[in-house]
Amino acid sequence: MSFLVSRESPDTKDASALIAELQAELEPLYAAKSRHGYSVEKLLQTGVAFFVAREDGVPAGCGGIQLFGTEYGELKRMYVRPAHRGRGCAKAVFDALAGHARSNGVTLLRLETGIYQTAAIAFYEREGFRQIPPFGPYWDDPVSRCYELRLP
């Protein structure tokens, strides 16, 4: 199992399809006010570095990172298609995002996720993320969790 991760614009056909699938997965779980994911347009407007993972040429997952100077990078729109889960795709995307952060002088990563994303939470905690109070635009929402990780 090998995933090839490359940077690409979030408005490509493959990236947009992955983002739409993530949105469809989250909509029944969370009220609109508790869904903080960026639209494709906002990903573009805010300069989020976006990456797509492929296995044998097939889009398998994606993720982005928005850098806030060198203070921190926020992970955005991490998603792995169900058929590719548990096989290293999330790790491959995460490694690309962390590498992008490091190459831009950023050593602190943050993210917000929902409490029903149990597999994602388990992944982030395995990677060393620790829960923190809400940051940036987030508030104390009972269905939201914020995390951060200091990169070595």
Foldseek 3Di string as FASTA:
>chain_A
DDKDKDWDQCPDPLNQVLLVVVCVVCVVPDDPVPDDADHSVVCVVQVWTKMFIDDVNHTFWIWTWRDPQQAEIEIHRTDGPPVCPPPCPSVVRVVVRCVVSVVRNHFKYKYKDFPVVVVVVVVCVVVPWDWDADDDPDHPDVGMTMTMDGHD
